[in-house]
Protein backbone atom coordinates (compact mmCIF):
# COMPACT_ATOMS: atom_id res chain seq x y z
CA UNK A 1 4.66 35.95 7.93
CA UNK A 2 7.41 37.88 9.71
CA UNK A 3 5.30 39.97 12.10
CA UNK A 4 6.54 37.99 15.11
CA UNK A 5 10.19 38.78 14.32
CA UNK A 6 12.11 41.61 15.87
CA UNK A 7 12.48 44.88 13.99
CA UNK A 8 16.18 44.16 13.49
CA UNK A 9 15.46 40.79 11.88
CA UNK A 10 12.85 42.30 9.57
CA UNK A 11 15.41 44.84 8.33
CA UNK A 12 17.54 41.98 6.99
CA UNK A 13 14.61 40.46 5.08
CA UNK A 14 14.37 43.19 2.46
CA UNK A 15 14.97 42.18 -1.17
CA UNK A 16 16.73 45.51 -1.76
CA UNK A 17 19.40 44.73 0.81
CA UNK A 18 22.91 45.65 -0.46
CA UNK A 19 24.94 42.71 -1.75
CA UNK A 20 27.64 43.15 0.88
CA UNK A 21 25.09 43.13 3.69
CA UNK A 22 23.44 39.98 2.26
CA UNK A 23 26.87 38.34 2.28
CA UNK A 24 27.36 39.33 5.93
CA UNK A 25 23.92 37.95 6.83
CA UNK A 26 24.38 34.50 5.26
CA UNK A 27 27.82 34.25 6.87
CA UNK A 28 26.20 34.79 10.28
CA UNK A 29 27.99 38.08 10.92
CA UNK A 30 24.92 40.07 12.03
CA UNK A 31 23.73 40.41 15.67
CA UNK A 32 20.59 38.25 15.75
CA UNK A 33 19.47 35.51 18.12
CA UNK A 34 19.79 31.97 16.62
CA UNK A 35 16.16 31.46 15.57
CA UNK A 36 15.92 34.78 13.76
CA UNK A 37 19.38 34.37 12.24
CA UNK A 38 18.41 31.01 10.78
CA UNK A 39 15.19 32.44 9.33
CA UNK A 40 17.08 35.31 7.69
CA UNK A 41 19.79 33.00 6.32
CA UNK A 42 17.15 30.62 4.93
CA UNK A 43 15.33 33.55 3.30
CA UNK A 44 18.42 34.71 1.41
CA UNK A 45 19.38 31.13 0.58
CA UNK A 46 15.99 30.66 -1.07
CA UNK A 47 16.24 33.89 -3.06
CA UNK A 48 19.98 34.20 -3.54
CA UNK A 49 22.61 33.37 -6.15
CA UNK A 50 25.00 30.39 -6.04
CA UNK A 51 27.57 32.16 -3.85
CA UNK A 52 24.88 33.25 -1.40
CA UNK A 53 23.56 29.68 -1.22
CA UNK A 54 27.04 28.27 -0.63
CA UNK A 55 27.76 30.74 2.20
CA UNK A 56 24.36 30.01 3.79
CA UNK A 57 25.02 26.25 3.75
CA UNK A 58 28.47 26.75 5.29
CA UNK A 59 26.99 28.85 8.09
CA UNK A 60 24.28 26.27 8.73
CA UNK A 61 26.96 23.61 9.06
CA UNK A 62 28.80 25.68 11.66
CA UNK A 63 25.76 26.04 13.93
CA UNK A 64 25.42 23.62 16.87
CA UNK A 65 22.85 20.87 16.22
CA UNK A 66 21.04 21.88 19.41
CA UNK A 67 20.25 25.31 17.96
CA UNK A 68 18.93 23.81 14.72
CA UNK A 69 16.84 21.28 16.63
CA UNK A 70 15.32 24.05 18.76
CA UNK A 71 14.37 26.07 15.66
CA UNK A 72 12.58 23.02 14.20
CA UNK A 73 10.29 23.11 17.25
CA UNK A 74 9.33 26.70 16.56
CA UNK A 75 6.59 28.27 14.44
CA UNK A 76 8.88 29.00 11.49
CA UNK A 77 8.03 29.31 7.77
CA UNK A 78 8.30 26.26 5.53
CA UNK A 79 11.24 27.68 3.56
CA UNK A 80 13.26 27.53 6.78
CA UNK A 81 12.32 23.90 7.33
CA UNK A 82 13.11 23.06 3.72
CA UNK A 83 16.49 24.82 3.96
CA UNK A 84 17.34 22.77 7.05
CA UNK A 85 16.15 19.47 5.54
CA UNK A 86 18.02 19.87 2.26
CA UNK A 87 21.30 20.95 3.85
CA UNK A 88 21.36 19.33 7.29
CA UNK A 89 21.16 15.74 8.47
CA UNK A 90 18.34 15.59 10.99
CA UNK A 91 19.17 14.02 14.33
CA UNK A 92 16.92 11.13 15.39
CA UNK A 93 15.64 13.28 18.23
CA UNK A 94 14.50 16.04 15.87
CA UNK A 95 12.80 13.89 13.21
CA UNK A 96 9.43 13.80 14.97
CA UNK A 97 9.39 17.56 15.60
CA UNK A 98 10.30 18.22 11.98
CA UNK A 99 7.69 15.93 10.43
CA UNK A 100 4.92 17.19 12.71
CA UNK A 101 5.66 20.90 12.29
CA UNK A 102 2.36 22.46 11.22
CA UNK A 103 4.09 24.76 8.73
CA UNK A 104 5.66 21.94 6.73
CA UNK A 105 4.38 22.26 3.14
CA UNK A 106 3.28 19.38 0.95
CA UNK A 107 6.30 19.96 -1.29
CA UNK A 108 8.67 19.48 1.63
CA UNK A 109 6.59 16.52 2.79
CA UNK A 110 7.07 14.92 -0.63
CA UNK A 111 10.83 15.39 -0.25
CA UNK A 112 10.61 13.66 3.13
CA UNK A 113 8.72 10.80 1.50
CA UNK A 114 11.69 10.26 -0.83
CA UNK A 115 14.12 9.87 2.07
CA UNK A 116 16.29 6.79 2.56
CA UNK A 117 15.92 7.09 6.34
CA UNK A 118 13.42 4.53 7.67
CA UNK A 119 12.77 6.56 10.83
CA UNK A 120 11.71 9.54 8.71
CA UNK A 121 9.58 7.39 6.39
CA UNK A 122 7.77 5.69 9.25
CA UNK A 123 6.76 9.07 10.67
CA UNK A 124 5.70 10.39 7.28
CA UNK A 125 3.58 7.27 6.70
CA UNK A 126 1.68 7.92 9.94
CA UNK A 127 0.29 11.19 8.52
CA UNK A 128 -2.45 9.20 6.80
CA UNK A 129 -4.99 11.96 6.27
CA UNK A 130 -2.39 14.26 4.72
CA UNK A 131 -1.26 11.46 2.41
CA UNK A 132 -4.86 10.69 1.44
CA UNK A 133 -5.33 14.28 0.28
CA UNK A 134 -2.10 14.49 -1.72
CA UNK A 135 -1.27 11.94 -4.41
CA UNK A 136 2.28 13.23 -4.68
CA UNK A 137 3.10 12.22 -1.10
CA UNK A 138 1.54 8.78 -1.56
CA UNK A 139 3.36 8.19 -4.84
CA UNK A 140 6.71 9.14 -3.32
CA UNK A 141 6.13 6.91 -0.31
CA UNK A 142 4.68 3.84 -1.97
CA UNK A 143 7.41 3.73 -4.62
CA UNK A 144 10.20 4.29 -2.10
CA UNK A 145 12.17 1.03 -1.71
CA UNK A 146 13.30 2.14 1.76
CA UNK A 147 9.76 2.33 3.20
CA UNK A 148 9.43 -0.52 5.75
CA UNK A 149 6.94 -3.18 4.67
CA UNK A 150 4.88 -2.78 7.83
CA UNK A 151 4.43 0.95 7.11
CA UNK A 152 3.45 0.19 3.52
CA UNK A 153 0.91 -2.44 4.65
CA UNK A 154 -0.60 -0.09 7.23
CA UNK A 155 -0.89 2.67 4.64
CA UNK A 156 -2.72 0.38 2.19
CA UNK A 157 -4.92 -0.83 5.07
CA UNK A 158 -5.89 2.77 5.79
CA UNK A 159 -6.66 3.44 2.13
CA UNK A 160 -8.79 0.27 2.09
CA UNK A 161 -10.76 1.56 5.09
CA UNK A 162 -11.12 4.96 3.43
CA UNK A 163 -12.31 3.30 0.21
CA UNK A 164 -14.99 1.39 2.08
CA UNK A 165 -16.17 4.64 3.65
CA UNK A 166 -16.16 6.33 0.24
CA UNK A 167 -18.25 3.56 -1.33
CA UNK A 168 -20.79 3.81 1.48
CA UNK A 169 -21.15 7.56 1.06
CA UNK A 170 -21.61 7.13 -2.70
CA UNK A 171 -24.27 4.45 -2.06
CA UNK A 172 -22.30 1.93 -4.13
CA UNK A 173 -23.42 -1.51 -3.03
CA UNK A 174 -20.83 -4.02 -1.94
CA UNK A 175 -22.25 -7.40 -2.78
CA UNK A 176 -20.59 -10.78 -2.83
CA UNK A 177 -21.82 -13.89 -4.62
CA UNK A 178 -20.89 -17.11 -2.88
CA UNK A 179 -18.69 -19.30 -5.03
CA UNK A 180 -19.98 -22.48 -3.41
CA UNK A 181 -22.81 -23.86 -1.35
CA UNK A 182 -22.64 -23.12 2.38
CA UNK A 183 -19.79 -25.16 3.77
CA UNK A 184 -20.25 -27.99 6.19
CA UNK A 185 -17.96 -27.99 9.17
CA UNK A 186 -16.41 -31.20 7.89
CA UNK A 187 -15.31 -29.45 4.71
CA UNK A 188 -12.96 -27.19 6.65
CA UNK A 189 -9.48 -28.10 7.86
CA UNK A 190 -9.55 -29.67 11.33
CA UNK A 191 -6.95 -29.43 14.03
CA UNK A 192 -5.55 -32.86 13.15
CA UNK A 193 -5.63 -32.41 9.40
CA UNK A 194 -8.55 -34.77 8.65
CA UNK A 195 -11.46 -33.97 6.33
CA UNK A 196 -14.73 -35.66 5.40
CA UNK A 197 -14.25 -37.86 2.35
CA UNK A 198 -10.66 -38.69 3.30
CA UNK A 199 -9.31 -41.68 5.19
CA UNK A 200 -9.82 -41.06 8.91
CA UNK A 201 -6.27 -42.12 9.71
CA UNK A 202 -4.61 -39.86 7.16
CA UNK A 203 -2.27 -37.25 8.65
CA UNK A 204 0.62 -35.14 7.50
CA UNK A 205 2.85 -38.19 7.97
CA UNK A 206 1.47 -39.39 4.62
CA UNK A 207 3.43 -36.57 2.99
CA UNK A 208 6.99 -36.91 1.69
CA UNK A 209 9.42 -37.08 4.61
CA UNK A 210 11.24 -33.89 3.60
CA UNK A 211 7.99 -31.90 3.88
CA UNK A 212 6.57 -33.39 7.06
CA UNK A 213 8.31 -30.93 9.38
CA UNK A 214 9.68 -28.17 7.20
CA UNK A 215 8.03 -25.91 4.68
CA UNK A 216 4.51 -26.96 5.68
CA UNK A 217 2.68 -23.82 6.87
CA UNK A 218 0.59 -24.00 10.01
CA UNK A 219 -3.00 -22.78 10.13
CA UNK A 220 -1.80 -19.52 11.68
CA UNK A 221 0.83 -19.03 8.98
CA UNK A 222 -1.83 -19.17 6.29
CA UNK A 223 -3.90 -16.43 7.85
CA UNK A 224 -3.18 -12.69 7.69
CA UNK A 225 -1.96 -11.00 10.83
CA UNK A 226 -4.61 -8.88 12.54
CA UNK A 227 -4.12 -5.16 12.12
CA UNK A 228 -5.48 -2.65 14.52
CA UNK A 229 -7.64 0.07 13.00
CA UNK A 230 -8.41 1.75 16.30
CA UNK A 231 -6.15 4.67 15.46
CA UNK A 232 -7.75 5.42 12.10
CA UNK A 233 -9.32 8.91 12.07
CA UNK A 234 -12.80 7.78 11.03
CA UNK A 235 -14.43 11.07 12.01
CA UNK A 236 -11.97 12.93 9.82
CA UNK A 237 -12.87 10.68 6.89
CA UNK A 238 -16.54 11.57 7.29
CA UNK A 239 -15.71 15.27 7.05
CA UNK A 240 -14.00 14.97 3.67
CA UNK A 241 -15.86 15.75 0.41
CA UNK A 242 -18.10 12.91 -0.73
CA UNK A 243 -15.86 12.18 -3.73
CA UNK A 244 -12.57 12.60 -1.86
CA UNK A 245 -11.06 9.44 -3.39
CA UNK A 246 -12.86 9.08 -6.72
CA UNK A 247 -12.01 12.57 -7.97
CA UNK A 248 -10.05 12.29 -11.21
CA UNK A 249 -10.88 8.61 -11.76
CA UNK A 250 -12.82 7.58 -14.91
CA UNK A 251 -16.51 7.26 -14.00
CA UNK A 252 -16.78 4.35 -16.47
CA UNK A 253 -14.47 2.38 -14.19
CA UNK A 254 -16.30 3.25 -10.98
CA UNK A 255 -19.91 2.49 -11.92
CA UNK A 256 -20.62 -1.22 -12.20
CA UNK A 257 -21.82 -2.30 -15.65
CA UNK A 258 -25.18 -4.03 -15.65
CA UNK A 259 -25.09 -7.70 -16.55
CA UNK A 260 -27.34 -9.12 -19.19
CA UNK A 261 -27.96 -5.82 -20.94
CA UNK A 262 -29.46 -5.64 -24.41
CA UNK A 263 -27.47 -5.69 -27.66
CA UNK A 264 -27.14 -1.92 -27.75
CA UNK A 265 -25.84 -1.81 -24.19
CA UNK A 266 -23.51 -4.73 -24.72
CA UNK A 267 -22.07 -3.12 -27.83
CA UNK A 268 -21.64 0.28 -26.24
CA UNK A 269 -18.14 -0.55 -25.03
CA UNK A 270 -16.20 -1.37 -28.19
CA UNK A 271 -12.73 -2.83 -28.23
CA UNK A 272 -11.44 0.64 -29.07
CA UNK A 273 -13.24 2.04 -26.04
CA UNK A 274 -11.75 -0.56 -23.76
CA UNK A 275 -8.31 0.15 -25.17
CA UNK A 276 -8.80 3.83 -24.40
CA UNK A 277 -9.67 2.99 -20.79
CA UNK A 278 -6.63 0.72 -20.60
CA UNK A 279 -4.42 3.49 -21.93
CA UNK A 280 -5.87 5.96 -19.45
CA UNK A 281 -5.10 3.60 -16.60
CA UNK A 282 -1.53 3.14 -17.80
CA UNK A 283 -1.02 6.90 -17.59
CA UNK A 284 -2.22 7.06 -13.99
CA UNK A 285 0.12 7.54 -11.06
CA UNK A 286 0.60 4.67 -8.63
CA UNK A 287 -1.66 6.32 -6.05
CA UNK A 288 -4.44 6.79 -8.62
CA UNK A 289 -4.15 3.14 -9.65
CA UNK A 290 -4.38 2.04 -6.02
CA UNK A 291 -7.47 4.18 -5.46
CA UNK A 292 -9.02 2.72 -8.61
CA UNK A 293 -8.08 -0.80 -7.51
CA UNK A 294 -9.95 -0.25 -4.24
CA UNK A 295 -12.92 1.68 -5.64
CA UNK A 296 -13.27 0.60 -9.27
CA UNK A 297 -15.65 -1.85 -10.90
CA UNK A 298 -14.90 -5.33 -12.18
CA UNK A 299 -13.47 -4.05 -15.47
CA UNK A 300 -11.03 -1.82 -13.60
CA UNK A 301 -9.96 -4.70 -11.38
CA UNK A 302 -9.46 -6.96 -14.40
CA UNK A 303 -7.14 -4.41 -16.02
CA UNK A 304 -5.24 -3.63 -12.82
CA UNK A 305 -4.63 -7.28 -11.99
CA UNK A 306 -2.18 -7.24 -14.89
CA UNK A 307 -0.34 -4.16 -13.62
CA UNK A 308 3.42 -4.49 -13.18
CA UNK A 309 3.35 -2.86 -9.73
CA UNK A 310 2.88 -5.44 -6.99
CA UNK A 311 1.24 -2.98 -4.60
CA UNK A 312 -1.42 -2.12 -7.21
CA UNK A 313 -2.24 -5.80 -7.74
CA UNK A 314 -2.41 -6.43 -3.99
CA UNK A 315 -4.77 -3.46 -3.67
CA UNK A 316 -7.12 -5.11 -6.18
CA UNK A 317 -7.28 -8.12 -3.89
CA UNK A 318 -8.15 -5.85 -0.95
CA UNK A 319 -10.97 -4.07 -2.79
CA UNK A 320 -14.22 -4.02 -0.79
CA UNK A 321 -16.01 -4.63 -4.12
CA UNK A 322 -14.17 -7.76 -5.22
CA UNK A 323 -16.53 -10.73 -5.41
CA UNK A 324 -16.10 -14.35 -4.43
CA UNK A 325 -16.57 -15.28 -8.09
CA UNK A 326 -13.56 -13.15 -9.03
CA UNK A 327 -11.51 -14.77 -6.29
CA UNK A 328 -12.35 -18.21 -7.66
CA UNK A 329 -11.38 -17.10 -11.16
CA UNK A 330 -8.06 -15.76 -9.89
CA UNK A 331 -7.43 -18.94 -7.88
CA UNK A 332 -7.87 -20.93 -11.11
CA UNK A 333 -5.68 -18.62 -13.20
CA UNK A 334 -2.19 -19.65 -14.25
CA UNK A 335 -1.34 -16.06 -15.11
CA UNK A 336 -1.28 -14.57 -11.61
CA UNK A 337 1.76 -14.13 -9.40
CA UNK A 338 2.69 -16.36 -6.50
CA UNK A 339 2.14 -13.39 -4.17
CA UNK A 340 -1.54 -13.24 -5.15
CA UNK A 341 -1.91 -16.98 -4.63
CA UNK A 342 -0.45 -16.55 -1.16
CA UNK A 343 -2.93 -13.76 -0.41
CA UNK A 344 -5.87 -15.99 -1.33
CA UNK A 345 -4.44 -18.92 0.61
CA UNK A 346 -3.92 -16.66 3.62
CA UNK A 347 -7.44 -15.21 3.75
CA UNK A 348 -9.71 -16.93 6.28
CA UNK A 349 -12.97 -16.05 4.52
CA UNK A 350 -11.85 -17.13 1.06
CA UNK A 351 -10.55 -20.41 2.48
CA UNK A 352 -14.06 -21.31 3.64
CA UNK A 353 -14.91 -22.00 0.00
CA UNK A 354 -14.19 -25.57 -1.04
CA UNK A 355 -13.95 -24.57 -4.70
CA UNK A 356 -11.29 -21.95 -3.91
CA UNK A 357 -9.23 -24.47 -1.93
CA UNK A 358 -9.64 -27.01 -4.71
CA UNK A 359 -8.55 -24.46 -7.31
CA UNK A 360 -5.47 -23.46 -5.34
CA UNK A 361 -4.47 -27.08 -4.70
CA UNK A 362 -4.53 -27.72 -8.44
CA UNK A 363 -2.86 -24.47 -9.51
CA UNK A 364 0.75 -24.85 -10.64
CA UNK A 365 1.44 -21.32 -9.31
CA UNK A 366 0.57 -22.36 -5.74
CA UNK A 367 3.74 -22.87 -3.66
CA UNK A 368 4.21 -26.60 -2.98
CA UNK A 369 4.01 -26.33 0.85
CA UNK A 370 0.66 -24.52 0.62
CA UNK A 371 -0.68 -26.92 -2.03
CA UNK A 372 0.24 -29.88 0.19
CA UNK A 373 -1.53 -28.29 3.13
CA UNK A 374 -4.64 -27.76 1.02
CA UNK A 375 -4.66 -31.39 -0.09
CA UNK A 376 -5.77 -32.26 3.43
CA UNK A 377 -9.04 -30.42 2.76
CA UNK A 378 -9.84 -31.96 -0.64
CA UNK A 379 -12.25 -34.85 -1.26
CA UNK A 380 -10.97 -38.27 -2.27
CA UNK A 381 -12.35 -37.96 -5.81
CA UNK A 382 -10.65 -34.59 -6.34
CA UNK A 383 -7.43 -36.01 -4.91
CA UNK A 384 -7.58 -38.77 -7.52
CA UNK A 385 -7.99 -36.17 -10.23
CA UNK A 386 -5.01 -34.23 -8.92
CA UNK A 387 -2.87 -37.34 -8.69
CA UNK A 388 -3.28 -37.80 -12.45
CA UNK A 389 -3.00 -34.12 -13.35
CA UNK A 390 -0.06 -32.89 -15.40
CA UNK A 391 -0.76 -29.29 -14.32
CA UNK A 392 0.64 -29.74 -10.80
CA UNK A 393 4.13 -30.57 -9.60
CA UNK A 394 5.16 -34.19 -9.22
CA UNK A 395 5.43 -33.65 -5.46
CA UNK A 396 1.78 -32.55 -5.22
CA UNK A 397 0.60 -35.32 -7.55
CA UNK A 398 2.52 -37.96 -5.58
CA UNK A 399 1.16 -36.66 -2.27
CA UNK A 400 -2.41 -36.73 -3.65
CA UNK A 401 -1.89 -40.32 -4.82
CA UNK A 402 -0.49 -41.28 -1.42
CA UNK A 403 -3.51 -39.75 0.32
CA UNK A 404 -5.93 -41.78 -1.80
CA UNK A 405 -4.12 -44.99 -0.93
CA UNK A 406 -3.34 -45.68 -4.59
CA UNK A 407 0.42 -45.97 -4.12
CA UNK A 408 1.56 -49.43 -5.20
């Protein structure tokens, strides 16, 4: 580790060094060039008593920032980097060099992931392959309230891509069952807001005046922003072990249960067994839950949809294995969060299903502006049903009645 240091520097790295000489070293009173002095001080800080640590920190604080920044660029041991990070505020110019130093250990990386500095967190989040291999880094990042939302979204997007690659290598089929018959073009929202089965002259002006111009999302606002995946290290993913994401996850929640099995098979999973699986999931870390949300079977997704962590629930919705039938069930549910409703309403593919749009329009959890927008895609008969429904807000019911021409 210290072979590249000068003979003088190596003399000061002995554990048997006299106490007085150690004190002189950590106070910077020995003739060494800055890089070697910092390494020696960090060494004794790591292995020293409280007084030694205090003197080392004081000496570090007296060094010019330029010297510290130059050492960060060097091939120095991790304990030096950790000493600097814990006791010195990194300059914005040195953050990149620090985070990308090849000697930075996972333990120090985890400490970086707990930072309150967005610039640091954004750089840490870009080390996707390292994060994928270490749950501790992912847990620290994903639970950090200071992590910018865009970095969090990109990280989950990467994990989603990695999950899809993992499923393919495990030969786990990704099949979707359509929730409705193939849609006719007329069933989809048009540029002017007209739909087959609705009055041809009906437009958004039929809506309450206070919602005609404000709060009514445009087509673009309902769709997710495109994310580039060009920078994802796909080749690196292929070189990982075949079970690089499923390791440590319950196999019962990865393998899909066969439908329509015999009595013995159906009774194999008792209520006690399901409770055990539920308890096991509750003991998982956030990163493990997210991996299970992306890779697990329907039972895993059902359990994780009730998780208190929003990122875990959103990961369920991004699972490559989630079926259209599950999406329809969620769209009909009154027990899901508004965020999940927004995700369904903002997904182009899911919005092709008439039954999903119908379910969202009639769900009391759907934000009123989105529900009103969806009314423009619903048939006249379903609008009549909604106008008389007590499960939707009075604003949505009134708008549905207005659109059917039943307002007296």
